């Protein structure tokens, strides 16, 4: 649009509003400031309430993550100071730090309130949540970091100010974390649909804990703060235990959880001759793209076989009815011819997992799938309701 200005010249300053054009309406629709202020009453002597300060900080983290001391400069460059009506000189690390300290004392309640508001306003169901813990590495000594009581203390579920900060300590070494590295773990509950993942509720765990502890604590916090009437919890094999399935079952919930191969090796060998393999209808977006575009890249094919089973918890002696799903994966012959060494390597790796397996064939009929083609297994509760939209 073209226009002509008549009048006196004035000094103006331009700002790159950028991503704030999208972030601000979302923050407002989510009622972030209002939800925070419900749990953190404003000090009458404070110039700005915690909701205003923290919603601005949230926008900064989304648009341009930076140190607390640099948020003020970001606000000046992006005009966030104008949007939040907060002078740049007032946006400093001391003010942000005080609001973050206040948030910590009500963190679980605030996160749960936001999750419930988002669920209601944007029609996001909370009856099917993916849970995945990961680690955050720290550098330095952290001499003041101390072990904490934990979320679960008998029948009491600690949260908010009653739960200390996660213990920064040495954790188990992984591919991207050297042995002896100091860390904490963060677990996220995520809603997933065709648009992608949406994190909704999270929790931090001590660095020396594992996925079983993480998912146990997360479930306790979900029951305390979100209180869903129905829930299917989906997680990886690091969180798997019969106790986890029992806890979900006792609450009237369901589970879909990957399981370690060694836990189900014997069942696989026992049932191999009886199971029927069926082609899996689901394909990843990448595999769909390769098929639709006639790509020369490899095409993966998956087949499933399920067995009804009962798992026993050694600690309590209780059993849980479940459905064990074995997954077989293979690639097309065309790809095998182009990269035979890669195919042989993957097949041998799978074959070694079964002590009585025969070497896998390149393409085995569905009814007589070689054990060596088996790649992973999942445990699914027999009462699991079919997921929405599938």
Protein backbone atom coordinates (compact mmCIF):
# COMPACT_ATOMS: atom_id res chain seq x y z
CA UNK A 1 0.00 0.00 0.00
CA UNK A 2 1.33 3.47 -0.95
CA UNK A 3 0.61 6.64 0.98
CA UNK A 4 1.71 10.27 1.20
CA UNK A 5 2.44 12.03 4.48
CA UNK A 6 1.89 15.77 4.84
CA UNK A 7 3.14 17.51 7.96
CA UNK A 8 6.17 18.08 10.09
CA UNK A 9 8.97 15.55 10.15
CA UNK A 10 9.41 13.60 13.40
CA UNK A 11 12.03 11.21 14.72
CA UNK A 12 10.82 7.61 14.68
CA UNK A 13 12.43 4.33 15.67
CA UNK A 14 11.69 1.07 13.89
CA UNK A 15 11.56 -2.35 15.57
CA UNK A 16 11.55 -5.85 14.10
CA UNK A 17 8.31 -7.18 15.58
CA UNK A 18 8.94 -10.51 13.86
CA UNK A 19 7.66 -13.68 15.50
CA UNK A 20 5.87 -11.69 18.22
CA UNK A 21 3.07 -11.17 15.70
CA UNK A 22 2.27 -14.86 16.17
CA UNK A 23 3.45 -15.42 19.73
CA UNK A 24 1.53 -12.57 21.39
CA UNK A 25 -1.96 -13.70 20.26
CA UNK A 26 -1.19 -17.26 21.36
CA UNK A 27 0.05 -16.15 24.78
CA UNK A 28 -3.08 -14.05 25.19
CA UNK A 29 -5.44 -16.83 24.09
CA UNK A 30 -3.73 -19.26 26.44
CA UNK A 31 -4.25 -16.75 29.26
CA UNK A 32 -0.70 -17.27 30.45
CA UNK A 33 -0.51 -14.09 32.55
CA UNK A 34 -3.95 -14.66 34.09
CA UNK A 35 -3.16 -18.28 35.00
CA UNK A 36 0.12 -17.31 36.62
CA UNK A 37 -1.48 -14.50 38.62
CA UNK A 38 -4.16 -16.86 39.92
CA UNK A 39 -1.44 -18.83 41.69
CA UNK A 40 0.97 -15.96 42.44
CA UNK A 41 -0.85 -13.03 44.06
CA UNK A 42 0.64 -9.67 43.18
CA UNK A 43 2.62 -7.76 45.78
CA UNK A 44 0.85 -4.39 46.23
CA UNK A 45 4.24 -2.67 46.17
CA UNK A 46 5.39 -4.37 42.95
CA UNK A 47 5.35 -2.36 39.73
CA UNK A 48 4.55 -5.41 37.61
CA UNK A 49 2.76 -8.63 38.47
CA UNK A 50 4.42 -12.00 37.98
CA UNK A 51 2.08 -12.90 35.13
CA UNK A 52 3.23 -9.92 33.07
CA UNK A 53 6.91 -10.53 33.76
CA UNK A 54 6.80 -14.27 33.09
CA UNK A 55 4.62 -14.05 29.98
CA UNK A 56 7.15 -11.60 28.53
CA UNK A 57 9.97 -13.97 29.47
CA UNK A 58 8.07 -16.85 27.83
CA UNK A 59 7.83 -14.85 24.61
CA UNK A 60 11.56 -14.18 24.77
CA UNK A 61 12.32 -17.89 25.17
CA UNK A 62 10.14 -18.73 22.17
CA UNK A 63 11.32 -15.95 19.87
CA UNK A 64 14.99 -15.56 20.77
CA UNK A 65 16.38 -17.58 23.71
CA UNK A 66 18.98 -15.54 25.57
CA UNK A 67 20.44 -15.00 29.05
CA UNK A 68 18.27 -13.21 31.62
CA UNK A 69 20.53 -10.18 31.44
CA UNK A 70 19.86 -9.86 27.70
CA UNK A 71 16.07 -10.09 27.72
CA UNK A 72 15.77 -6.32 28.04
CA UNK A 73 17.76 -5.76 24.86
CA UNK A 74 15.64 -8.32 23.04
CA UNK A 75 12.51 -6.51 24.21
CA UNK A 76 13.87 -3.21 22.89
CA UNK A 77 14.77 -4.71 19.52
CA UNK A 78 11.43 -6.49 19.07
CA UNK A 79 9.11 -3.86 20.62
CA UNK A 80 8.09 -6.34 23.32
CA UNK A 81 8.54 -3.50 25.82
CA UNK A 82 5.75 -1.65 24.01
CA UNK A 83 3.49 -4.70 23.79
CA UNK A 84 3.86 -5.50 27.50
CA UNK A 85 3.96 -1.82 28.47
CA UNK A 86 7.16 -2.36 30.44
CA UNK A 87 10.10 0.06 30.02
CA UNK A 88 13.31 -1.60 28.90
CA UNK A 89 15.18 -0.46 32.02
CA UNK A 90 12.62 -2.38 34.11
CA UNK A 91 13.24 -5.62 32.24
CA UNK A 92 16.31 -6.83 34.11
CA UNK A 93 17.63 -10.12 35.43
CA UNK A 94 16.73 -9.28 39.05
CA UNK A 95 13.05 -8.81 38.24
CA UNK A 96 12.96 -11.89 36.02
CA UNK A 97 14.76 -13.93 38.68
CA UNK A 98 12.29 -12.93 41.41
CA UNK A 99 9.36 -13.97 39.23
CA UNK A 100 11.03 -17.28 38.37
CA UNK A 101 11.60 -17.96 42.08
CA UNK A 102 7.92 -17.30 42.73
CA UNK A 103 6.95 -19.55 39.82
CA UNK A 104 9.06 -22.40 41.23
CA UNK A 105 6.94 -22.54 44.39
CA UNK A 106 3.76 -23.09 42.33
CA UNK A 107 5.26 -24.64 39.22
CA UNK A 108 3.20 -27.82 39.05
CA UNK A 109 -0.10 -26.04 39.73
CA UNK A 110 0.62 -23.38 37.10
CA UNK A 111 1.69 -25.91 34.46
CA UNK A 112 -1.40 -28.01 35.16
CA UNK A 113 -3.71 -24.98 34.96
CA UNK A 114 -2.19 -24.02 31.62
CA UNK A 115 -2.56 -27.58 30.31
CA UNK A 116 -6.22 -27.68 31.32
CA UNK A 117 -6.88 -24.24 29.81
CA UNK A 118 -5.19 -25.21 26.54
CA UNK A 119 -7.12 -28.48 26.48
CA UNK A 120 -10.42 -26.65 26.86
CA UNK A 121 -9.74 -23.65 24.62
CA UNK A 122 -8.02 -25.46 21.74
CA UNK A 123 -9.86 -28.78 22.00
CA UNK A 124 -6.75 -30.76 22.89
CA UNK A 125 -7.68 -34.08 24.56
CA UNK A 126 -5.69 -35.19 27.59
CA UNK A 127 -6.73 -38.84 27.43
CA UNK A 128 -3.68 -39.94 25.41
CA UNK A 129 -0.27 -38.61 26.40
CA UNK A 130 3.19 -39.55 25.20
CA UNK A 131 5.82 -39.46 27.93
CA UNK A 132 9.53 -39.18 27.23
CA UNK A 133 12.34 -38.26 29.67
CA UNK A 134 15.64 -36.78 28.53
CA UNK A 135 18.68 -35.38 30.31
CA UNK A 136 20.18 -31.92 30.68
CA UNK A 137 23.95 -31.73 31.19
CA UNK A 138 25.55 -29.23 33.58
CA UNK A 139 29.09 -27.92 33.79
CA UNK A 140 30.64 -26.89 37.09
CA UNK A 141 30.77 -28.13 40.67
CA UNK A 142 27.28 -27.37 42.09
CA UNK A 143 28.38 -27.99 45.66
CA UNK A 144 25.01 -26.83 47.04
CA UNK A 145 23.05 -29.39 45.02
CA UNK A 146 21.57 -31.93 47.44
CA UNK A 147 19.45 -35.08 47.16
CA UNK A 148 15.75 -34.48 47.69
CA UNK A 149 12.93 -36.50 49.19
CA UNK A 150 11.27 -37.07 45.84
CA UNK A 151 7.71 -36.75 44.62
CA UNK A 152 6.35 -39.90 46.23
CA UNK A 153 6.62 -40.30 49.99
CA UNK A 154 4.30 -43.12 50.97
CA UNK A 155 0.77 -41.90 50.27
CA UNK A 156 1.90 -38.27 49.95
CA UNK A 157 2.67 -36.72 46.55
CA UNK A 158 5.01 -33.75 46.93
CA UNK A 159 4.85 -30.89 44.45
CA UNK A 160 5.21 -27.10 44.19
CA UNK A 161 7.02 -25.60 47.18
CA UNK A 162 6.94 -28.96 49.01
CA UNK A 163 9.29 -30.45 46.41
CA UNK A 164 12.89 -29.28 46.26
CA UNK A 165 14.77 -28.67 43.03
CA UNK A 166 15.97 -31.73 41.13
CA UNK A 167 19.38 -32.92 42.31
CA UNK A 168 22.17 -32.01 39.88
CA UNK A 169 24.45 -35.02 40.22
CA UNK A 170 26.35 -37.68 38.31
CA UNK A 171 24.14 -39.77 36.09
CA UNK A 172 24.44 -42.83 33.90
CA UNK A 173 26.60 -42.39 30.83
CA UNK A 174 24.89 -42.40 27.44
CA UNK A 175 25.88 -41.81 23.82
CA UNK A 176 25.77 -38.05 24.33
CA UNK A 177 26.57 -37.92 28.05
CA UNK A 178 30.02 -39.09 29.20
CA UNK A 179 30.27 -41.25 32.29
CA UNK A 180 30.31 -39.13 35.43
CA UNK A 181 28.66 -36.11 33.79
CA UNK A 182 26.45 -34.01 36.06
CA UNK A 183 22.85 -33.87 34.94
CA UNK A 184 19.17 -33.75 35.73
CA UNK A 185 16.37 -35.41 33.79
CA UNK A 186 13.29 -33.73 32.36
CA UNK A 187 10.16 -35.68 31.48
CA UNK A 188 7.51 -34.24 29.17
CA UNK A 189 3.94 -35.32 28.59
CA UNK A 190 3.07 -34.56 24.98
CA UNK A 191 -0.10 -34.70 22.92
CA UNK A 192 0.60 -35.85 19.36
CA UNK A 193 -1.60 -35.59 16.28
CA UNK A 194 -1.16 -35.00 12.54
CA UNK A 195 0.15 -31.49 13.27
CA UNK A 196 2.97 -32.77 15.45
CA UNK A 197 3.80 -32.88 19.18
CA UNK A 198 2.42 -30.43 21.74
CA UNK A 199 4.17 -30.50 25.17
CA UNK A 200 1.62 -30.03 27.95
CA UNK A 201 2.98 -31.02 31.36
CA UNK A 202 6.50 -31.70 32.59
CA UNK A 203 8.62 -32.56 35.60
CA UNK A 204 12.33 -32.60 36.50
CA UNK A 205 14.01 -35.65 38.05
CA UNK A 206 17.27 -36.17 39.92
CA UNK A 207 20.27 -36.86 37.70
CA UNK A 208 20.96 -40.30 39.21
CA UNK A 209 17.42 -41.62 38.68
CA UNK A 210 16.13 -43.66 35.74
CA UNK A 211 13.09 -43.77 33.48
CA UNK A 212 11.11 -46.01 35.83
CA UNK A 213 11.34 -43.47 38.65
CA UNK A 214 10.60 -40.66 36.21
CA UNK A 215 7.38 -42.16 34.86
CA UNK A 216 6.25 -43.17 38.37
CA UNK A 217 6.63 -39.59 39.61
CA UNK A 218 5.05 -38.14 36.48
CA UNK A 219 1.97 -40.33 36.81
CA UNK A 220 1.58 -39.30 40.46
CA UNK A 221 1.73 -35.61 39.47
CA UNK A 222 -0.76 -36.16 36.65
CA UNK A 223 -3.22 -37.78 39.05
CA UNK A 224 -2.77 -34.99 41.59
CA UNK A 225 -2.93 -31.95 39.30
CA UNK A 226 -4.58 -32.92 35.99
CA UNK A 227 -6.89 -35.65 37.32
CA UNK A 228 -7.94 -37.06 33.91
CA UNK A 229 -10.94 -39.38 33.89
CA UNK A 230 -9.36 -41.44 31.12
CA UNK A 231 -5.73 -41.80 30.17
CA UNK A 232 -3.53 -43.88 27.90
CA UNK A 233 0.14 -43.29 28.66
CA UNK A 234 2.62 -44.03 25.86
CA UNK A 235 6.32 -44.31 26.70
CA UNK A 236 9.60 -45.96 25.69
CA UNK A 237 11.29 -49.06 27.07
CA UNK A 238 13.33 -47.11 29.63
CA UNK A 239 10.10 -46.52 31.55
CA UNK A 240 8.79 -50.07 31.29
CA UNK A 241 8.04 -52.17 34.35
CA UNK A 242 5.17 -54.39 35.41
CA UNK A 243 4.70 -52.05 38.36
CA UNK A 244 4.09 -49.18 35.92
CA UNK A 245 1.36 -51.18 34.16
CA UNK A 246 -0.20 -52.09 37.50
CA UNK A 247 -0.27 -48.48 38.71
CA UNK A 248 -2.00 -47.36 35.53
CA UNK A 249 -4.46 -50.24 35.76
CA UNK A 250 -5.27 -49.47 39.41
CA UNK A 251 -6.19 -45.92 38.37
CA UNK A 252 -8.40 -47.17 35.53
CA UNK A 253 -5.86 -46.06 32.93
CA UNK A 254 -4.07 -47.87 30.10
CA UNK A 255 -0.53 -48.12 28.77
CA UNK A 256 1.31 -48.54 25.49
CA UNK A 257 4.94 -49.09 26.36
CA UNK A 258 7.99 -50.44 24.55
CA UNK A 259 9.60 -53.29 26.46
CA UNK A 260 13.20 -54.57 26.70
CA UNK A 261 13.81 -57.56 24.45
CA UNK A 262 15.29 -59.67 27.24
CA UNK A 263 12.02 -59.41 29.18
CA UNK A 264 10.09 -61.04 26.33
CA UNK A 265 12.67 -63.19 24.53
CA UNK A 266 11.32 -66.41 26.03
CA UNK A 267 7.72 -65.56 25.13
CA UNK A 268 8.76 -64.81 21.54
CA UNK A 269 10.50 -68.16 21.16
CA UNK A 270 7.54 -70.01 22.69
CA UNK A 271 4.90 -68.34 20.52
CA UNK A 272 6.83 -67.87 17.28
CA UNK A 273 5.32 -70.84 15.43
CA UNK A 274 1.75 -69.93 16.42
CA UNK A 275 1.60 -66.19 15.74
CA UNK A 276 0.30 -64.66 12.51
CA UNK A 277 2.11 -61.69 11.03
CA UNK A 278 0.02 -58.90 9.53
CA UNK A 279 1.21 -55.97 7.48
CA UNK A 280 1.19 -52.70 9.37
CA UNK A 281 -0.92 -49.99 7.73
CA UNK A 282 0.95 -47.12 9.38
CA UNK A 283 3.84 -45.46 7.58
CA UNK A 284 5.95 -42.53 8.68
CA UNK A 285 5.62 -39.30 6.72
CA UNK A 286 9.07 -39.86 5.26
CA UNK A 287 8.12 -43.33 4.04
CA UNK A 288 4.91 -41.95 2.54
CA UNK A 289 6.93 -39.25 0.77
CA UNK A 290 9.31 -41.82 -0.69
CA UNK A 291 6.43 -43.85 -2.09
CA UNK A 292 4.50 -40.88 -3.46
CA UNK A 293 7.57 -39.41 -5.15
CA UNK A 294 8.90 -42.72 -6.52
CA UNK A 295 12.12 -42.08 -4.62
CA UNK A 296 15.13 -44.39 -5.00
CA UNK A 297 15.65 -44.32 -1.24
CA UNK A 298 14.85 -47.42 0.80
CA UNK A 299 11.27 -48.34 1.59
CA UNK A 300 10.61 -49.93 4.94
CA UNK A 301 7.87 -52.48 5.56
CA UNK A 302 6.55 -53.43 9.00
CA UNK A 303 4.55 -56.42 10.16
CA UNK A 304 2.93 -57.07 13.52
CA UNK A 305 2.12 -60.16 15.55
CA UNK A 306 0.34 -60.02 18.89
CA UNK A 307 0.08 -62.40 21.82
CA UNK A 308 -2.20 -62.14 24.83
CA UNK A 309 -0.12 -62.60 27.94
CA UNK A 310 0.10 -62.01 31.68
CA UNK A 311 3.08 -60.31 33.29
CA UNK A 312 4.02 -60.80 36.93
CA UNK A 313 5.43 -58.18 39.28
CA UNK A 314 8.08 -59.86 41.43
CA UNK A 315 7.85 -57.25 44.20
CA UNK A 316 4.11 -57.61 44.86
CA UNK A 317 3.35 -60.96 43.25
CA UNK A 318 0.50 -59.37 41.29
CA UNK A 319 -0.16 -60.07 37.63
CA UNK A 320 -1.43 -57.84 34.86
CA UNK A 321 -3.17 -58.92 31.66
CA UNK A 322 -1.63 -57.41 28.57
CA UNK A 323 -1.17 -57.75 24.86
CA UNK A 324 2.40 -58.17 23.59
CA UNK A 325 3.00 -56.85 20.08
CA UNK A 326 6.08 -58.01 18.18
CA UNK A 327 7.28 -55.89 15.26
CA UNK A 328 9.12 -57.17 12.19
CA UNK A 329 10.90 -54.71 9.89
CA UNK A 330 12.43 -55.18 6.45
CA UNK A 331 13.53 -53.08 3.49
CA UNK A 332 12.81 -53.55 -0.20
CA UNK A 333 15.04 -55.77 -2.37
CA UNK A 334 15.86 -52.79 -4.54
CA UNK A 335 17.53 -51.11 -1.62
CA UNK A 336 19.22 -54.36 -0.57
CA UNK A 337 20.89 -54.60 -3.95
CA UNK A 338 22.14 -51.04 -3.67
CA UNK A 339 23.51 -51.45 -0.18
CA UNK A 340 23.85 -55.12 0.67
CA UNK A 341 26.35 -54.51 3.47
CA UNK A 342 23.91 -52.31 5.36
CA UNK A 343 21.14 -54.88 5.05
CA UNK A 344 23.37 -57.70 6.27
CA UNK A 345 24.50 -55.65 9.25
CA UNK A 346 20.98 -54.79 10.36
CA UNK A 347 19.70 -58.33 9.92
CA UNK A 348 22.59 -59.87 11.84
CA UNK A 349 22.03 -57.49 14.69
CA UNK A 350 18.39 -58.53 14.90
CA UNK A 351 19.21 -62.20 14.49
CA UNK A 352 21.65 -62.24 17.40
CA UNK A 353 18.83 -61.16 19.68
CA UNK A 354 17.15 -64.54 19.41
CA UNK A 355 19.20 -67.47 20.66
CA UNK A 356 17.38 -70.05 18.51
CA UNK A 357 16.72 -67.91 15.45
CA UNK A 358 17.71 -68.79 11.92
CA UNK A 359 19.46 -66.23 9.69
CA UNK A 360 16.74 -64.05 8.11
CA UNK A 361 15.82 -64.25 4.46
CA UNK A 362 15.64 -61.13 2.31
CA UNK A 363 11.87 -61.41 1.88
CA UNK A 364 10.02 -63.99 3.98
CA UNK A 365 6.30 -64.76 3.46
CA UNK A 366 4.03 -63.19 6.05
CA UNK A 367 2.89 -66.44 7.61
CA UNK A 368 6.44 -67.72 8.12
CA UNK A 369 8.34 -64.60 9.09
CA UNK A 370 11.88 -65.44 10.20
CA UNK A 371 12.61 -64.70 13.84
CA UNK A 372 15.70 -62.86 12.77
CA UNK A 373 13.62 -60.15 11.08
CA UNK A 374 12.08 -59.26 14.42
CA UNK A 375 13.32 -55.92 15.65
CA UNK A 376 11.36 -54.70 18.66
CA UNK A 377 8.41 -55.43 20.88
CA UNK A 378 5.77 -53.44 22.68
CA UNK A 379 3.48 -54.19 25.58
CA UNK A 380 -0.09 -53.06 25.25
CA UNK A 381 -2.73 -53.50 27.94
CA UNK A 382 -5.59 -55.71 26.87
CA UNK A 383 -8.10 -53.08 27.96
CA UNK A 384 -6.53 -50.36 25.81
CA UNK A 385 -9.19 -48.46 23.93
CA UNK A 386 -8.52 -47.74 20.24
CA UNK A 387 -6.88 -44.34 20.00
CA UNK A 388 -8.81 -41.39 18.64
CA UNK A 389 -8.65 -41.16 14.89
CA UNK A 390 -6.93 -44.51 14.33
